[in-house]
Amino acid sequence: MHATYRRIKVKSGKAADVAALIETEYLPLIESSAGYVSYTLVGLGDDEVASLGLFADLASAEEANEKAKAWTADRLGPLVSSPLEVRAGDVLVSHAGPGA
């Protein structure tokens, strides 16, 4: 399994707007991709958000990263105040509790 980590600083008070756009526009874009496993968006405070995407393999993760870069530039530009930081790597440990 492969993971992608993305972090971005948003303009003051815009984290909820960013989350709404991700949920309604970006998630449908990537969840239909082969190899998609899951996606989580976290509010880090101080107008910063980060996401963790899980994919079956490296090729799926790289495809999602390319989609994320293009989509972010196109749709989130007016809402963000920093470039999208993207990191990726192999999942070393993954565990979900009961009912997850």
N, C-alpha and C. Protein backbone atom coordinates (compact mmCIF):
# COMPACT_ATOMS: atom_id res chain seq x y z
N MET A 1 0.85 -1.17 0.00
CA MET A 1 0.00 0.00 0.00
C MET A 1 0.89 1.24 0.00
N HIS A 2 0.39 2.30 -0.59
CA HIS A 2 1.15 3.53 -0.73
C HIS A 2 0.32 4.69 -0.17
N ALA A 3 0.98 5.65 0.45
CA ALA A 3 0.29 6.80 1.05
C ALA A 3 0.77 8.10 0.43
N THR A 4 -0.14 9.05 0.35
CA THR A 4 0.22 10.41 -0.05
C THR A 4 -0.17 11.35 1.07
N TYR A 5 0.72 12.27 1.38
CA TYR A 5 0.49 13.28 2.41
C TYR A 5 0.54 14.63 1.71
N ARG A 6 -0.49 15.43 1.92
CA ARG A 6 -0.53 16.76 1.33
C ARG A 6 -0.86 17.76 2.43
N ARG A 7 -0.18 18.91 2.39
CA ARG A 7 -0.42 19.96 3.39
C ARG A 7 -0.47 21.29 2.67
N ILE A 8 -1.39 22.15 3.15
CA ILE A 8 -1.51 23.46 2.53
C ILE A 8 -2.03 24.47 3.55
N LYS A 9 -1.54 25.66 3.45
CA LYS A 9 -2.02 26.77 4.28
C LYS A 9 -3.13 27.47 3.51
N VAL A 10 -4.26 27.69 4.18
CA VAL A 10 -5.39 28.36 3.52
C VAL A 10 -5.52 29.78 4.04
N LYS A 11 -6.22 30.60 3.29
CA LYS A 11 -6.46 31.97 3.74
C LYS A 11 -7.32 31.94 5.00
N SER A 12 -7.19 32.97 5.80
CA SER A 12 -7.86 33.04 7.09
C SER A 12 -9.35 32.72 7.00
N GLY A 13 -9.77 31.75 7.79
CA GLY A 13 -11.17 31.38 7.86
C GLY A 13 -11.69 30.55 6.70
N LYS A 14 -10.83 30.07 5.82
CA LYS A 14 -11.27 29.36 4.61
C LYS A 14 -11.15 27.83 4.69
N ALA A 15 -10.74 27.28 5.81
CA ALA A 15 -10.56 25.83 5.91
C ALA A 15 -11.86 25.08 5.64
N ALA A 16 -12.98 25.56 6.15
CA ALA A 16 -14.26 24.89 5.91
C ALA A 16 -14.65 24.93 4.43
N ASP A 17 -14.36 26.04 3.76
CA ASP A 17 -14.65 26.15 2.33
C ASP A 17 -13.78 25.16 1.53
N VAL A 18 -12.52 25.06 1.91
CA VAL A 18 -11.62 24.12 1.26
C VAL A 18 -12.11 22.69 1.46
N ALA A 19 -12.49 22.36 2.69
CA ALA A 19 -12.99 21.02 2.99
C ALA A 19 -14.24 20.70 2.17
N ALA A 20 -15.14 21.66 2.04
CA ALA A 20 -16.36 21.44 1.26
C ALA A 20 -16.05 21.17 -0.21
N LEU A 21 -15.13 21.94 -0.78
CA LEU A 21 -14.74 21.71 -2.17
C LEU A 21 -14.06 20.36 -2.36
N ILE A 22 -13.22 20.00 -1.42
CA ILE A 22 -12.56 18.69 -1.51
C ILE A 22 -13.61 17.58 -1.47
N GLU A 23 -14.55 17.69 -0.55
CA GLU A 23 -15.57 16.65 -0.42
C GLU A 23 -16.47 16.54 -1.64
N THR A 24 -16.86 17.68 -2.20
CA THR A 24 -17.82 17.64 -3.31
C THR A 24 -17.19 17.50 -4.69
N GLU A 25 -15.94 17.94 -4.85
CA GLU A 25 -15.32 17.93 -6.18
C GLU A 25 -14.11 17.02 -6.30
N TYR A 26 -13.19 17.10 -5.33
CA TYR A 26 -11.95 16.33 -5.47
C TYR A 26 -12.15 14.84 -5.17
N LEU A 27 -12.87 14.54 -4.10
CA LEU A 27 -13.07 13.13 -3.77
C LEU A 27 -13.72 12.33 -4.88
N PRO A 28 -14.78 12.82 -5.52
CA PRO A 28 -15.32 12.05 -6.65
C PRO A 28 -14.31 11.84 -7.77
N LEU A 29 -13.39 12.78 -7.92
CA LEU A 29 -12.36 12.67 -8.95
C LEU A 29 -11.40 11.52 -8.67
N ILE A 30 -10.97 11.38 -7.41
CA ILE A 30 -9.98 10.34 -7.12
C ILE A 30 -10.58 9.01 -6.69
N GLU A 31 -11.76 9.02 -6.08
CA GLU A 31 -12.28 7.74 -5.58
C GLU A 31 -12.68 6.79 -6.70
N SER A 32 -12.83 7.30 -7.90
CA SER A 32 -13.14 6.44 -9.03
C SER A 32 -11.87 5.90 -9.69
N SER A 33 -10.71 6.34 -9.22
CA SER A 33 -9.44 5.89 -9.77
C SER A 33 -9.12 4.47 -9.30
N ALA A 34 -8.53 3.70 -10.19
CA ALA A 34 -8.08 2.37 -9.81
C ALA A 34 -7.05 2.49 -8.69
N GLY A 35 -7.13 1.64 -7.71
CA GLY A 35 -6.15 1.64 -6.62
C GLY A 35 -6.49 2.54 -5.45
N TYR A 36 -7.56 3.33 -5.55
CA TYR A 36 -7.96 4.21 -4.43
C TYR A 36 -8.41 3.36 -3.26
N VAL A 37 -7.94 3.69 -2.04
CA VAL A 37 -8.34 2.98 -0.84
C VAL A 37 -9.12 3.90 0.10
N SER A 38 -8.51 5.04 0.48
CA SER A 38 -9.19 5.95 1.41
C SER A 38 -8.56 7.34 1.36
N TYR A 39 -9.27 8.30 1.96
CA TYR A 39 -8.82 9.69 2.01
C TYR A 39 -9.30 10.30 3.31
N THR A 40 -8.42 11.03 3.99
CA THR A 40 -8.76 11.72 5.24
C THR A 40 -8.21 13.13 5.18
N LEU A 41 -9.04 14.11 5.52
CA LEU A 41 -8.61 15.51 5.59
C LEU A 41 -8.65 15.93 7.05
N VAL A 42 -7.58 16.58 7.50
CA VAL A 42 -7.44 16.99 8.90
C VAL A 42 -7.21 18.49 8.97
N GLY A 43 -7.97 19.16 9.83
CA GLY A 43 -7.73 20.58 10.12
C GLY A 43 -6.64 20.66 11.18
N LEU A 44 -5.53 21.32 10.86
CA LEU A 44 -4.39 21.40 11.77
C LEU A 44 -4.40 22.65 12.64
N GLY A 45 -5.41 23.50 12.46
CA GLY A 45 -5.42 24.78 13.16
C GLY A 45 -4.57 25.78 12.40
N ASP A 46 -4.61 27.02 12.82
CA ASP A 46 -3.83 28.08 12.18
C ASP A 46 -4.03 28.11 10.67
N ASP A 47 -5.28 27.86 10.23
CA ASP A 47 -5.63 27.91 8.80
C ASP A 47 -4.76 26.98 7.96
N GLU A 48 -4.55 25.79 8.46
CA GLU A 48 -3.76 24.80 7.74
C GLU A 48 -4.52 23.48 7.73
N VAL A 49 -4.49 22.78 6.58
CA VAL A 49 -5.11 21.47 6.46
C VAL A 49 -4.09 20.49 5.88
N ALA A 50 -4.29 19.22 6.20
CA ALA A 50 -3.45 18.17 5.66
C ALA A 50 -4.33 16.98 5.31
N SER A 51 -3.90 16.22 4.33
CA SER A 51 -4.66 15.03 3.97
C SER A 51 -3.74 13.83 3.88
N LEU A 52 -4.35 12.67 4.07
CA LEU A 52 -3.65 11.40 3.90
C LEU A 52 -4.50 10.55 2.99
N GLY A 53 -3.94 10.19 1.86
CA GLY A 53 -4.62 9.31 0.92
C GLY A 53 -3.91 7.98 0.87
N LEU A 54 -4.68 6.90 0.85
CA LEU A 54 -4.10 5.57 0.75
C LEU A 54 -4.49 4.96 -0.59
N PHE A 55 -3.52 4.32 -1.21
CA PHE A 55 -3.69 3.74 -2.54
C PHE A 55 -3.05 2.36 -2.58
N ALA A 56 -3.55 1.51 -3.45
CA ALA A 56 -3.08 0.14 -3.53
C ALA A 56 -1.63 0.04 -3.97
N ASP A 57 -1.18 0.98 -4.79
CA ASP A 57 0.18 0.88 -5.33
C ASP A 57 0.72 2.27 -5.68
N LEU A 58 2.00 2.30 -6.00
CA LEU A 58 2.69 3.55 -6.30
C LEU A 58 2.06 4.26 -7.50
N ALA A 59 1.74 3.53 -8.55
CA ALA A 59 1.18 4.16 -9.75
C ALA A 59 -0.13 4.88 -9.44
N SER A 60 -0.97 4.28 -8.62
CA SER A 60 -2.25 4.91 -8.24
C SER A 60 -2.01 6.17 -7.43
N ALA A 61 -1.06 6.12 -6.51
CA ALA A 61 -0.74 7.28 -5.69
C ALA A 61 -0.17 8.42 -6.53
N GLU A 62 0.70 8.09 -7.47
CA GLU A 62 1.27 9.13 -8.33
C GLU A 62 0.20 9.77 -9.21
N GLU A 63 -0.72 8.96 -9.72
CA GLU A 63 -1.82 9.49 -10.53
C GLU A 63 -2.67 10.45 -9.69
N ALA A 64 -2.97 10.07 -8.46
CA ALA A 64 -3.75 10.93 -7.58
C ALA A 64 -3.00 12.23 -7.27
N ASN A 65 -1.68 12.16 -7.09
CA ASN A 65 -0.90 13.37 -6.82
C ASN A 65 -0.96 14.34 -8.00
N GLU A 66 -0.89 13.82 -9.21
CA GLU A 66 -0.99 14.67 -10.39
C GLU A 66 -2.37 15.32 -10.47
N LYS A 67 -3.41 14.54 -10.21
CA LYS A 67 -4.77 15.09 -10.20
C LYS A 67 -4.90 16.15 -9.11
N ALA A 68 -4.31 15.90 -7.94
CA ALA A 68 -4.39 16.85 -6.83
C ALA A 68 -3.71 18.16 -7.17
N LYS A 69 -2.53 18.09 -7.78
CA LYS A 69 -1.82 19.32 -8.14
C LYS A 69 -2.63 20.16 -9.12
N ALA A 70 -3.15 19.52 -10.16
CA ALA A 70 -3.93 20.24 -11.17
C ALA A 70 -5.22 20.79 -10.57
N TRP A 71 -5.92 19.97 -9.81
CA TRP A 71 -7.20 20.39 -9.23
C TRP A 71 -6.99 21.53 -8.23
N THR A 72 -5.95 21.42 -7.40
CA THR A 72 -5.67 22.46 -6.41
C THR A 72 -5.38 23.79 -7.10
N ALA A 73 -4.56 23.76 -8.12
CA ALA A 73 -4.23 24.99 -8.85
C ALA A 73 -5.47 25.60 -9.48
N ASP A 74 -6.34 24.76 -10.00
CA ASP A 74 -7.53 25.22 -10.70
C ASP A 74 -8.63 25.69 -9.76
N ARG A 75 -8.89 24.93 -8.69
CA ARG A 75 -10.07 25.19 -7.86
C ARG A 75 -9.78 25.84 -6.51
N LEU A 76 -8.61 25.63 -5.95
CA LEU A 76 -8.34 26.15 -4.62
C LEU A 76 -7.49 27.42 -4.62
N GLY A 77 -7.00 27.82 -5.78
CA GLY A 77 -6.13 28.99 -5.86
C GLY A 77 -6.58 30.19 -5.05
N PRO A 78 -7.83 30.63 -5.17
CA PRO A 78 -8.27 31.81 -4.42
C PRO A 78 -8.39 31.60 -2.91
N LEU A 79 -8.34 30.34 -2.48
CA LEU A 79 -8.56 30.04 -1.06
C LEU A 79 -7.29 29.71 -0.29
N VAL A 80 -6.17 29.56 -0.99
CA VAL A 80 -4.95 29.13 -0.31
C VAL A 80 -3.89 30.23 -0.30
N SER A 81 -2.99 30.11 0.67
CA SER A 81 -1.93 31.12 0.78
C SER A 81 -0.54 30.50 0.73
N SER A 82 -0.45 29.23 0.37
CA SER A 82 0.86 28.60 0.21
C SER A 82 0.76 27.53 -0.88
N PRO A 83 1.89 27.14 -1.44
CA PRO A 83 1.85 26.05 -2.41
C PRO A 83 1.49 24.73 -1.72
N LEU A 84 0.94 23.81 -2.48
CA LEU A 84 0.62 22.48 -1.99
C LEU A 84 1.90 21.71 -1.74
N GLU A 85 2.07 21.22 -0.52
CA GLU A 85 3.22 20.38 -0.18
C GLU A 85 2.78 18.93 -0.34
N VAL A 86 3.51 18.15 -1.12
CA VAL A 86 3.14 16.76 -1.38
C VAL A 86 4.29 15.84 -1.03
N ARG A 87 3.99 14.81 -0.27
CA ARG A 87 4.97 13.77 0.07
C ARG A 87 4.28 12.43 -0.15
N ALA A 88 5.04 11.40 -0.43
CA ALA A 88 4.47 10.08 -0.65
C ALA A 88 5.45 9.01 -0.21
N GLY A 89 4.92 7.84 0.13
CA GLY A 89 5.79 6.75 0.53
C GLY A 89 5.02 5.46 0.76
N ASP A 90 5.76 4.41 1.01
CA ASP A 90 5.16 3.11 1.29
C ASP A 90 4.56 3.11 2.70
N VAL A 91 3.41 2.47 2.86
CA VAL A 91 2.80 2.31 4.17
C VAL A 91 3.56 1.20 4.89
N LEU A 92 4.08 1.51 6.06
CA LEU A 92 4.84 0.53 6.83
C LEU A 92 3.96 -0.20 7.84
N VAL A 93 2.99 0.50 8.42
CA VAL A 93 2.05 -0.09 9.37
C VAL A 93 0.69 0.53 9.12
N SER A 94 -0.33 -0.30 9.07
CA SER A 94 -1.70 0.19 8.93
C SER A 94 -2.60 -0.65 9.83
N HIS A 95 -3.40 0.01 10.64
CA HIS A 95 -4.27 -0.71 11.56
C HIS A 95 -5.55 0.07 11.75
N ALA A 96 -6.67 -0.57 11.63
CA ALA A 96 -7.97 0.05 11.89
C ALA A 96 -8.62 -0.72 13.04
N GLY A 97 -9.23 0.01 13.93
CA GLY A 97 -9.89 -0.61 15.06
C GLY A 97 -11.22 -1.23 14.67
N PRO A 98 -11.85 -1.91 15.59
CA PRO A 98 -13.15 -2.51 15.32
C PRO A 98 -14.16 -1.44 14.88
N GLY A 99 -14.93 -1.75 13.89
CA GLY A 99 -15.95 -0.82 13.42
C GLY A 99 -15.44 0.28 12.52
N ALA A 100 -14.15 0.25 12.18
CA ALA A 100 -13.59 1.30 11.34
C ALA A 100 -13.99 1.10 9.90
